[in-house]
PDB file of all heavy atoms in Angstrom:
ATOM      1  N   ARG A   1      62.512 -85.151-158.264  1.00  0.00           N
ATOM      2  CA  ARG A   1      63.461 -85.692-157.290  1.00  0.00           C
ATOM      3  C   ARG A   1      62.735 -86.060-156.007  1.00  0.00           C
ATOM      4  O   ARG A   1      62.772 -85.323-155.006  1.00  0.00           O
ATOM      5  CB  ARG A   1      64.554 -84.675-156.978  1.00  0.00           C
ATOM      6  CG  ARG A   1      65.731 -85.268-156.195  1.00  0.00           C
ATOM      7  CD  ARG A   1      66.614 -84.182-155.639  1.00  0.00           C
ATOM      8  NE  ARG A   1      67.845 -84.704-155.072  1.00  0.00           N
ATOM      9  CZ  ARG A   1      68.529 -84.117-154.099  1.00  0.00           C
ATOM     10  NH1 ARG A   1      68.090 -82.979-153.586  1.00  0.00           N
ATOM     11  NH2 ARG A   1      69.640 -84.647-153.645  1.00  0.00           N
ATOM     12  N   PRO A   2      62.075 -87.212-155.989  1.00  0.00           N
ATOM     13  CA  PRO A   2      61.447 -87.643-154.736  1.00  0.00           C
ATOM     14  C   PRO A   2      62.506 -87.903-153.658  1.00  0.00           C
ATOM     15  O   PRO A   2      63.652 -88.268-153.969  1.00  0.00           O
ATOM     16  CB  PRO A   2      60.757 -88.953-155.111  1.00  0.00           C
ATOM     17  CG  PRO A   2      60.654 -88.949-156.582  1.00  0.00           C
ATOM     18  CD  PRO A   2      61.822 -88.155-157.080  1.00  0.00           C
ATOM     19  N   SER A   3      62.094 -87.729-152.421  1.00  0.00           N
ATOM     20  CA  SER A   3      62.971 -88.027-151.297  1.00  0.00           C
ATOM     21  C   SER A   3      62.228 -88.899-150.293  1.00  0.00           C
ATOM     22  O   SER A   3      60.998 -88.953-150.286  1.00  0.00           O
ATOM     23  CB  SER A   3      63.463 -86.751-150.632  1.00  0.00           C
ATOM     24  OG  SER A   3      62.377 -86.010-150.130  1.00  0.00           O
ATOM     25  N   CYS A   4      62.981 -89.579-149.461  1.00  0.00           N
ATOM     26  CA  CYS A   4      62.425 -90.484-148.450  1.00  0.00           C
ATOM     27  C   CYS A   4      63.174 -90.236-147.149  1.00  0.00           C
ATOM     28  O   CYS A   4      64.379 -90.509-147.069  1.00  0.00           O
ATOM     29  CB  CYS A   4      62.586 -91.922-148.897  1.00  0.00           C
ATOM     30  SG  CYS A   4      62.143 -93.149-147.650  1.00  0.00           S
ATOM     31  N   ALA A   5      62.470 -89.721-146.167  1.00  0.00           N
ATOM     32  CA  ALA A   5      63.067 -89.419-144.874  1.00  0.00           C
ATOM     33  C   ALA A   5      62.766 -90.543-143.885  1.00  0.00           C
ATOM     34  O   ALA A   5      61.603 -90.923-143.712  1.00  0.00           O
ATOM     35  CB  ALA A   5      62.541 -88.099-144.347  1.00  0.00           C
ATOM     36  N   ALA A   6      63.806 -91.054-143.247  1.00  0.00           N
ATOM     37  CA  ALA A   6      63.651 -92.160-142.302  1.00  0.00           C
ATOM     38  C   ALA A   6      63.759 -91.664-140.867  1.00  0.00           C
ATOM     39  O   ALA A   6      64.530 -90.740-140.577  1.00  0.00           O
ATOM     40  CB  ALA A   6      64.712 -93.219-142.563  1.00  0.00           C
ATOM     41  N   SER A   7      63.008 -92.283-139.979  1.00  0.00           N
ATOM     42  CA  SER A   7      63.112 -91.997-138.554  1.00  0.00           C
ATOM     43  C   SER A   7      62.943 -93.305-137.780  1.00  0.00           C
ATOM     44  O   SER A   7      62.380 -94.267-138.289  1.00  0.00           O
ATOM     45  CB  SER A   7      62.059 -90.975-138.113  1.00  0.00           C
ATOM     46  OG  SER A   7      60.751 -91.461-138.356  1.00  0.00           O
ATOM     47  N   GLY A   8      63.466 -93.303-136.562  1.00  0.00           N
ATOM     48  CA  GLY A   8      63.345 -94.492-135.728  1.00  0.00           C
ATOM     49  C   GLY A   8      64.356 -95.573-136.012  1.00  0.00           C
ATOM     50  O   GLY A   8      64.278 -96.665-135.447  1.00  0.00           O
ATOM     51  N   ILE A   9      65.327 -95.293-136.909  1.00  0.00           N
ATOM     52  CA  ILE A   9      66.352 -96.274-137.240  1.00  0.00           C
ATOM     53  C   ILE A   9      67.699 -95.589-137.356  1.00  0.00           C
ATOM     54  O   ILE A   9      67.774 -94.371-137.519  1.00  0.00           O
ATOM     55  CB  ILE A   9      66.054 -97.001-138.571  1.00  0.00           C
ATOM     56  CG1 ILE A   9      65.923 -95.992-139.736  1.00  0.00           C
ATOM     57  CG2 ILE A   9      64.842 -97.887-138.457  1.00  0.00           C
ATOM     58  CD1 ILE A   9      65.760 -96.633-141.092  1.00  0.00           C
ATOM     59  N   ILE A  10      68.756 -96.388-137.245  1.00  0.00           N
ATOM     60  CA  ILE A  10      70.096 -95.898-137.565  1.00  0.00           C
ATOM     61  C   ILE A  10      70.251 -96.078-139.063  1.00  0.00           C
ATOM     62  O   ILE A  10      70.661 -97.137-139.540  1.00  0.00           O
ATOM     63  CB  ILE A  10      71.173 -96.654-136.775  1.00  0.00           C
ATOM     64  CG1 ILE A  10      70.893 -96.533-135.272  1.00  0.00           C
ATOM     65  CG2 ILE A  10      72.552 -96.115-137.108  1.00  0.00           C
ATOM     66  CD1 ILE A  10      71.802 -97.396-134.416  1.00  0.00           C
ATOM     67  N   PHE A  11      69.902 -95.079-139.822  1.00  0.00           N
ATOM     68  CA  PHE A  11      69.737 -95.197-141.260  1.00  0.00           C
ATOM     69  C   PHE A  11      71.008 -95.656-141.954  1.00  0.00           C
ATOM     70  O   PHE A  11      70.954 -96.348-142.966  1.00  0.00           O
ATOM     71  CB  PHE A  11      69.272 -93.862-141.831  1.00  0.00           C
ATOM     72  CG  PHE A  11      68.972 -93.881-143.295  1.00  0.00           C
ATOM     73  CD1 PHE A  11      67.929 -94.635-143.799  1.00  0.00           C
ATOM     74  CD2 PHE A  11      69.747 -93.144-144.186  1.00  0.00           C
ATOM     75  CE1 PHE A  11      67.653 -94.661-145.150  1.00  0.00           C
ATOM     76  CE2 PHE A  11      69.474 -93.159-145.538  1.00  0.00           C
ATOM     77  CZ  PHE A  11      68.427 -93.927-146.024  1.00  0.00           C
ATOM     78  N   SER A  12      72.155 -95.295-141.419  1.00  0.00           N
ATOM     79  CA  SER A  12      73.426 -95.594-142.088  1.00  0.00           C
ATOM     80  C   SER A  12      73.702 -97.091-142.210  1.00  0.00           C
ATOM     81  O   SER A  12      74.525 -97.487-143.040  1.00  0.00           O
ATOM     82  CB  SER A  12      74.580 -94.910-141.365  1.00  0.00           C
ATOM     83  OG  SER A  12      74.652 -95.373-140.022  1.00  0.00           O
ATOM     84  N   VAL A  13      73.030 -97.938-141.435  1.00  0.00           N
ATOM     85  CA  VAL A  13      73.276 -99.377-141.529  1.00  0.00           C
ATOM     86  C   VAL A  13      72.249-100.073-142.403  1.00  0.00           C
ATOM     87  O   VAL A  13      72.272-101.298-142.541  1.00  0.00           O
ATOM     88  CB  VAL A  13      73.315-100.048-140.133  1.00  0.00           C
ATOM     89  CG1 VAL A  13      74.347 -99.369-139.248  1.00  0.00           C
ATOM     90  CG2 VAL A  13      71.945-100.046-139.472  1.00  0.00           C
ATOM     91  N   TYR A  14      71.344 -99.312-143.005  1.00  0.00           N
ATOM     92  CA  TYR A  14      70.292 -99.864-143.839  1.00  0.00           C
ATOM     93  C   TYR A  14      70.622 -99.701-145.320  1.00  0.00           C
ATOM     94  O   TYR A  14      71.007 -98.609-145.761  1.00  0.00           O
ATOM     95  CB  TYR A  14      68.961 -99.164-143.564  1.00  0.00           C
ATOM     96  CG  TYR A  14      68.255 -99.633-142.318  1.00  0.00           C
ATOM     97  CD1 TYR A  14      68.754 -99.327-141.058  1.00  0.00           C
ATOM     98  CD2 TYR A  14      67.091-100.389-142.404  1.00  0.00           C
ATOM     99  CE1 TYR A  14      68.110 -99.766-139.919  1.00  0.00           C
ATOM    100  CE2 TYR A  14      66.440-100.820-141.264  1.00  0.00           C
ATOM    101  CZ  TYR A  14      66.953-100.509-140.023  1.00  0.00           C
ATOM    102  OH  TYR A  14      66.307-100.947-138.902  1.00  0.00           O
ATOM    103  N   ALA A  15      70.424-100.777-146.087  1.00  0.00           N
ATOM    104  CA  ALA A  15      70.355-100.634-147.536  1.00  0.00           C
ATOM    105  C   ALA A  15      69.033 -99.938-147.862  1.00  0.00           C
ATOM    106  O   ALA A  15      68.039-100.107-147.145  1.00  0.00           O
ATOM    107  CB  ALA A  15      70.426-101.994-148.210  1.00  0.00           C
ATOM    108  N   ALA A  16      69.011 -99.167-148.923  1.00  0.00           N
ATOM    109  CA  ALA A  16      67.793 -98.434-149.291  1.00  0.00           C
ATOM    110  C   ALA A  16      67.503 -98.629-150.769  1.00  0.00           C
ATOM    111  O   ALA A  16      68.422 -98.843-151.569  1.00  0.00           O
ATOM    112  CB  ALA A  16      67.944 -96.952-148.961  1.00  0.00           C
ATOM    113  N   SER A  17      66.253 -98.540-151.111  1.00  0.00           N
ATOM    114  CA  SER A  17      65.871 -98.725-152.501  1.00  0.00           C
ATOM    115  C   SER A  17      64.551 -98.023-152.783  1.00  0.00           C
ATOM    116  O   SER A  17      63.820 -97.643-151.864  1.00  0.00           O
ATOM    117  CB  SER A  17      65.762-100.216-152.842  1.00  0.00           C
ATOM    118  OG  SER A  17      64.901-100.870-151.946  1.00  0.00           O
ATOM    119  N   TRP A  18      64.314 -97.841-154.063  1.00  0.00           N
ATOM    120  CA  TRP A  18      63.048 -97.313-154.558  1.00  0.00           C
ATOM    121  C   TRP A  18      62.389 -98.382-155.427  1.00  0.00           C
ATOM    122  O   TRP A  18      63.050 -98.976-156.289  1.00  0.00           O
ATOM    123  CB  TRP A  18      63.261 -96.049-155.381  1.00  0.00           C
ATOM    124  CG  TRP A  18      63.605 -94.848-154.586  1.00  0.00           C
ATOM    125  CD1 TRP A  18      64.852 -94.385-154.277  1.00  0.00           C
ATOM    126  CD2 TRP A  18      62.679 -93.918-153.997  1.00  0.00           C
ATOM    127  NE1 TRP A  18      64.761 -93.241-153.525  1.00  0.00           N
ATOM    128  CE2 TRP A  18      63.437 -92.915-153.340  1.00  0.00           C
ATOM    129  CE3 TRP A  18      61.289 -93.823-153.952  1.00  0.00           C
ATOM    130  CZ2 TRP A  18      62.857 -91.852-152.659  1.00  0.00           C
ATOM    131  CZ3 TRP A  18      60.711 -92.769-153.281  1.00  0.00           C
ATOM    132  CH2 TRP A  18      61.480 -91.800-152.646  1.00  0.00           C
ATOM    133  N   TYR A  19      61.090 -98.585-155.190  1.00  0.00           N
ATOM    134  CA  TYR A  19      60.264 -99.457-156.016  1.00  0.00           C
ATOM    135  C   TYR A  19      59.153 -98.610-156.624  1.00  0.00           C
ATOM    136  O   TYR A  19      58.880 -97.497-156.166  1.00  0.00           O
ATOM    137  CB  TYR A  19      59.634-100.564-155.164  1.00  0.00           C
ATOM    138  CG  TYR A  19      60.573-101.664-154.740  1.00  0.00           C
ATOM    139  CD1 TYR A  19      61.545-101.445-153.769  1.00  0.00           C
ATOM    140  CD2 TYR A  19      60.479-102.938-155.297  1.00  0.00           C
ATOM    141  CE1 TYR A  19      62.408-102.469-153.375  1.00  0.00           C
ATOM    142  CE2 TYR A  19      61.329-103.959-154.906  1.00  0.00           C
ATOM    143  CZ  TYR A  19      62.277-103.718-153.944  1.00  0.00           C
ATOM    144  OH  TYR A  19      63.122-104.735-153.553  1.00  0.00           O
ATOM    145  N   ARG A  20      58.502 -99.150-157.625  1.00  0.00           N
ATOM    146  CA  ARG A  20      57.331 -98.476-158.166  1.00  0.00           C
ATOM    147  C   ARG A  20      56.274 -99.508-158.546  1.00  0.00           C
ATOM    148  O   ARG A  20      56.593-100.655-158.839  1.00  0.00           O
ATOM    149  CB  ARG A  20      57.695 -97.606-159.370  1.00  0.00           C
ATOM    150  CG  ARG A  20      58.135 -98.368-160.609  1.00  0.00           C
ATOM    151  CD  ARG A  20      58.599 -97.385-161.677  1.00  0.00           C
ATOM    152  NE  ARG A  20      59.047 -98.076-162.898  1.00  0.00           N
ATOM    153  CZ  ARG A  20      59.632 -97.460-163.909  1.00  0.00           C
ATOM    154  NH1 ARG A  20      59.842 -96.151-163.877  1.00  0.00           N
ATOM    155  NH2 ARG A  20      59.996 -98.153-164.971  1.00  0.00           N
ATOM    156  N   GLN A  21      55.042 -99.042-158.535  1.00  0.00           N
ATOM    157  CA  GLN A  21      53.932 -99.896-158.920  1.00  0.00           C
ATOM    158  C   GLN A  21      52.949 -99.087-159.756  1.00  0.00           C
ATOM    159  O   GLN A  21      52.370 -98.110-159.270  1.00  0.00           O
ATOM    160  CB  GLN A  21      53.236-100.479-157.693  1.00  0.00           C
ATOM    161  CG  GLN A  21      52.190-101.523-158.035  1.00  0.00           C
ATOM    162  CD  GLN A  21      51.746-102.330-156.838  1.00  0.00           C
ATOM    163  OE1 GLN A  21      51.931-101.931-155.683  1.00  0.00           O
ATOM    164  NE2 GLN A  21      51.158-103.495-157.083  1.00  0.00           N
ATOM    165  N   ALA A  22      52.804 -99.505-160.999  1.00  0.00           N
ATOM    166  CA  ALA A  22      51.843 -98.881-161.905  1.00  0.00           C
ATOM    167  C   ALA A  22      50.517 -99.623-161.795  1.00  0.00           C
ATOM    168  O   ALA A  22      50.474-100.788-161.382  1.00  0.00           O
ATOM    169  CB  ALA A  22      52.366 -98.931-163.337  1.00  0.00           C
ATOM    170  N   PRO A  23      49.419 -98.974-162.171  1.00  0.00           N
ATOM    171  CA  PRO A  23      48.101 -99.625-162.084  1.00  0.00           C
ATOM    172  C   PRO A  23      48.084-100.940-162.850  1.00  0.00           C
ATOM    173  O   PRO A  23      48.505-101.006-164.008  1.00  0.00           O
ATOM    174  CB  PRO A  23      47.178 -98.592-162.720  1.00  0.00           C
ATOM    175  CG  PRO A  23      47.845 -97.290-162.491  1.00  0.00           C
ATOM    176  CD  PRO A  23      49.316 -97.576-162.615  1.00  0.00           C
ATOM    177  N   GLY A  24      47.610-101.994-162.196  1.00  0.00           N
ATOM    178  CA  GLY A  24      47.496-103.289-162.831  1.00  0.00           C
ATOM    179  C   GLY A  24      48.786-104.057-162.990  1.00  0.00           C
ATOM    180  O   GLY A  24      48.812-105.120-163.605  1.00  0.00           O
ATOM    181  N   LYS A  25      49.873-103.519-162.434  1.00  0.00           N
ATOM    182  CA  LYS A  25      51.176-104.183-162.559  1.00  0.00           C
ATOM    183  C   LYS A  25      51.753-104.498-161.186  1.00  0.00           C
ATOM    184  O   LYS A  25      51.342-103.928-160.177  1.00  0.00           O
ATOM    185  CB  LYS A  25      52.147-103.303-163.341  1.00  0.00           C
ATOM    186  CG  LYS A  25      51.749-103.077-164.786  1.00  0.00           C
ATOM    187  CD  LYS A  25      52.849-102.366-165.546  1.00  0.00           C
ATOM    188  CE  LYS A  25      52.488-102.215-167.023  1.00  0.00           C
ATOM    189  NZ  LYS A  25      53.579-101.531-167.777  1.00  0.00           N
ATOM    190  N   GLN A  26      52.724-105.421-161.173  1.00  0.00           N
ATOM    191  CA  GLN A  26      53.397-105.757-159.921  1.00  0.00           C
ATOM    192  C   GLN A  26      54.387-104.669-159.530  1.00  0.00           C
ATOM    193  O   GLN A  26      54.900-103.936-160.373  1.00  0.00           O
ATOM    194  CB  GLN A  26      54.122-107.096-160.079  1.00  0.00           C
ATOM    195  CG  GLN A  26      53.196-108.301-160.182  1.00  0.00           C
ATOM    196  CD  GLN A  26      53.955-109.612-160.132  1.00  0.00           C
ATOM    197  OE1 GLN A  26      55.109-109.681-160.554  1.00  0.00           O
ATOM    198  NE2 GLN A  26      53.324-110.650-159.617  1.00  0.00           N
ATOM    199  N   ARG A  27      54.655-104.596-158.252  1.00  0.00           N
ATOM    200  CA  ARG A  27      55.677-103.672-157.777  1.00  0.00           C
ATOM    201  C   ARG A  27      57.040-104.145-158.288  1.00  0.00           C
ATOM    202  O   ARG A  27      57.357-105.340-158.245  1.00  0.00           O
ATOM    203  CB  ARG A  27      55.672-103.630-156.245  1.00  0.00           C
ATOM    204  CG  ARG A  27      56.527-102.541-155.645  1.00  0.00           C
ATOM    205  CD  ARG A  27      56.334-102.439-154.139  1.00  0.00           C
ATOM    206  NE  ARG A  27      54.964-102.071-153.778  1.00  0.00           N
ATOM    207  CZ  ARG A  27      54.588-101.717-152.551  1.00  0.00           C
ATOM    208  NH1 ARG A  27      55.480-101.696-151.565  1.00  0.00           N
ATOM    209  NH2 ARG A  27      53.338-101.419-152.302  1.00  0.00           N
ATOM    210  N   GLU A  28      57.845-103.206-158.765  1.00  0.00           N
ATOM    211  CA  GLU A  28      59.145-103.546-159.326  1.00  0.00           C
ATOM    212  C   GLU A  28      60.242-102.664-158.735  1.00  0.00           C
ATOM    213  O   GLU A  28      60.008-101.503-158.378  1.00  0.00           O
ATOM    214  CB  GLU A  28      59.149-103.390-160.852  1.00  0.00           C
ATOM    215  CG  GLU A  28      58.917-101.974-161.342  1.00  0.00           C
ATOM    216  CD  GLU A  28      59.062-101.836-162.854  1.00  0.00           C
ATOM    217  OE1 GLU A  28      59.437-102.799-163.534  1.00  0.00           O
ATOM    218  OE2 GLU A  28      58.790-100.730-163.361  1.00  0.00           O
ATOM    219  N   LEU A  29      61.437-103.248-158.649  1.00  0.00           N
ATOM    220  CA  LEU A  29      62.595-102.509-158.161  1.00  0.00           C
ATOM    221  C   LEU A  29      63.045-101.513-159.225  1.00  0.00           C
ATOM    222  O   LEU A  29      63.208-101.863-160.389  1.00  0.00           O
ATOM    223  CB  LEU A  29      63.730-103.468-157.831  1.00  0.00           C
ATOM    224  CG  LEU A  29      65.043-102.844-157.388  1.00  0.00           C
ATOM    225  CD1 LEU A  29      64.888-102.136-156.052  1.00  0.00           C
ATOM    226  CD2 LEU A  29      66.137-103.899-157.305  1.00  0.00           C
ATOM    227  N   VAL A  30      63.251-100.273-158.804  1.00  0.00           N
ATOM    228  CA  VAL A  30      63.727 -99.222-159.699  1.00  0.00           C
ATOM    229  C   VAL A  30      65.218 -98.971-159.493  1.00  0.00           C
ATOM    230  O   VAL A  30      65.995 -98.942-160.450  1.00  0.00           O
ATOM    231  CB  VAL A  30      62.946 -97.921-159.468  1.00  0.00           C
ATOM    232  CG1 VAL A  30      63.513 -96.790-160.320  1.00  0.00           C
ATOM    233  CG2 VAL A  30      61.466 -98.121-159.758  1.00  0.00           C
TER     234      VAL A  30
END
């Protein structure tokens, strides 16, 4: 269960997402 903590922004107005990038591959939306 990875987590992502935000600072310096009003987080509630931001859309959020997770991407991943495997070796030799493009970054993709998860």
